[in-house]
Amino acid sequence: SYFQLVDHYRFPGTMVERFERKEGDGGGMSPGKLGGGQFVGGVKLNGHGIAAMHLKPAEGALEARRSWYFFGNKVISLGAGIGANSEY
């Protein structure tokens, strides 16, 4: 019953437009449609790593470029080009 108590669109560290999605379109805990992002990936070497993504969901106007750098027990998160031209 935990998931009934939380706002799925406002988890800390997430970036989403807040509008209801239909079942089969990322709503109701179903996988969403593939978006239009240009890349996603990561690498790991000797306990350090990098992950990056171009976030551009299939529905909505949100777009962002995000990256995470992992150094042992430290994480640095960077974002660029973050924006959405919508009412959400």
Protein backbone atom coordinates (compact mmCIF):
# COMPACT_ATOMS: atom_id res chain seq x y z
CA SER A 1 0.00 0.00 0.00
CA TYR A 2 3.07 2.28 -0.05
CA PHE A 3 2.53 3.29 -3.69
CA GLN A 4 -1.01 4.47 -2.97
CA LEU A 5 0.39 7.02 -0.50
CA VAL A 6 3.07 8.67 -2.65
CA ASP A 7 2.92 11.08 -5.54
CA HIS A 8 4.58 9.13 -8.38
CA TYR A 9 5.32 12.36 -10.24
CA ARG A 10 7.32 13.96 -7.39
CA PHE A 11 9.96 11.47 -6.30
CA PRO A 12 13.12 13.31 -5.20
CA GLY A 13 15.73 13.50 -7.95
CA THR A 14 13.27 12.81 -10.76
CA MET A 15 12.34 15.07 -13.62
CA VAL A 16 8.84 14.63 -15.04
CA GLU A 17 5.93 16.69 -16.28
CA ARG A 18 3.02 16.28 -13.93
CA PHE A 19 0.07 15.04 -15.98
CA GLU A 20 -1.87 11.80 -15.82
CA ARG A 21 -0.68 9.13 -18.24
CA LYS A 22 -2.92 6.45 -19.69
CA GLU A 23 -2.32 2.74 -19.08
CA GLY A 24 0.22 1.53 -21.64
CA ASP A 25 1.62 5.05 -21.92
CA GLY A 26 3.67 5.08 -18.72
CA GLY A 27 0.66 5.35 -16.39
CA GLY A 28 -0.55 2.80 -13.88
CA MET A 29 3.02 1.49 -13.39
CA SER A 30 3.12 0.33 -17.03
CA PRO A 31 6.15 0.92 -19.24
CA GLY A 32 5.94 4.10 -21.26
CA LYS A 33 6.45 4.66 -24.96
CA LEU A 34 9.95 5.11 -26.25
CA GLY A 35 10.93 8.75 -26.26
CA GLY A 36 12.91 10.86 -28.68
CA GLY A 37 16.14 11.14 -26.68
CA GLN A 38 19.36 10.89 -28.65
CA PHE A 39 21.41 8.88 -26.15
CA VAL A 40 21.55 7.07 -22.83
CA GLY A 41 24.41 5.07 -21.38
CA GLY A 42 27.13 4.68 -18.85
CA VAL A 43 30.54 3.23 -18.08
CA LYS A 44 32.25 1.86 -14.96
CA LEU A 45 35.94 1.40 -14.21
CA ASN A 46 37.63 0.60 -10.89
CA GLY A 47 34.75 1.74 -8.68
CA HIS A 48 34.15 4.98 -10.60
CA GLY A 49 31.53 5.57 -13.25
CA ILE A 50 29.57 7.92 -15.47
CA ALA A 51 25.94 7.73 -16.58
CA ALA A 52 24.29 10.15 -18.97
CA MET A 53 20.97 10.60 -20.76
CA HIS A 54 19.08 12.85 -23.09
CA LEU A 55 15.58 12.87 -21.62
CA LYS A 56 12.80 13.52 -24.12
CA PRO A 57 9.63 11.55 -23.37
CA ALA A 58 7.25 10.56 -26.17
CA GLU A 59 4.43 12.54 -24.54
CA GLY A 60 4.85 16.08 -23.21
CA ALA A 61 7.28 18.90 -23.83
CA LEU A 62 9.97 18.15 -21.22
CA GLU A 63 13.54 17.89 -22.46
CA ALA A 64 16.79 17.67 -20.50
CA ARG A 65 20.35 16.44 -20.63
CA ARG A 66 21.54 14.88 -17.39
CA SER A 67 24.70 13.19 -16.23
CA TRP A 68 25.88 11.50 -13.05
CA TYR A 69 29.50 10.98 -12.01
CA PHE A 70 30.27 8.31 -9.42
CA PHE A 71 33.46 8.46 -7.35
CA GLY A 72 33.45 5.76 -4.68
CA ASN A 73 30.69 6.84 -2.27
CA LYS A 74 30.22 10.28 -3.86
CA VAL A 75 27.81 11.24 -6.67
CA ILE A 76 27.81 14.44 -8.70
CA SER A 77 24.72 15.15 -10.79
CA LEU A 78 24.65 17.77 -13.56
CA GLY A 79 21.85 18.95 -15.81
CA ALA A 80 21.72 21.17 -18.88
CA GLY A 81 19.14 22.30 -21.40
CA ILE A 82 16.35 21.54 -18.93
CA GLY A 83 13.01 22.94 -19.96
CA ALA A 84 9.42 22.34 -20.90
CA ASN A 85 7.16 24.64 -22.84
CA SER A 86 3.89 23.39 -21.39
CA GLU A 87 1.40 24.09 -18.64
CA TYR A 88 2.74 21.15 -16.59
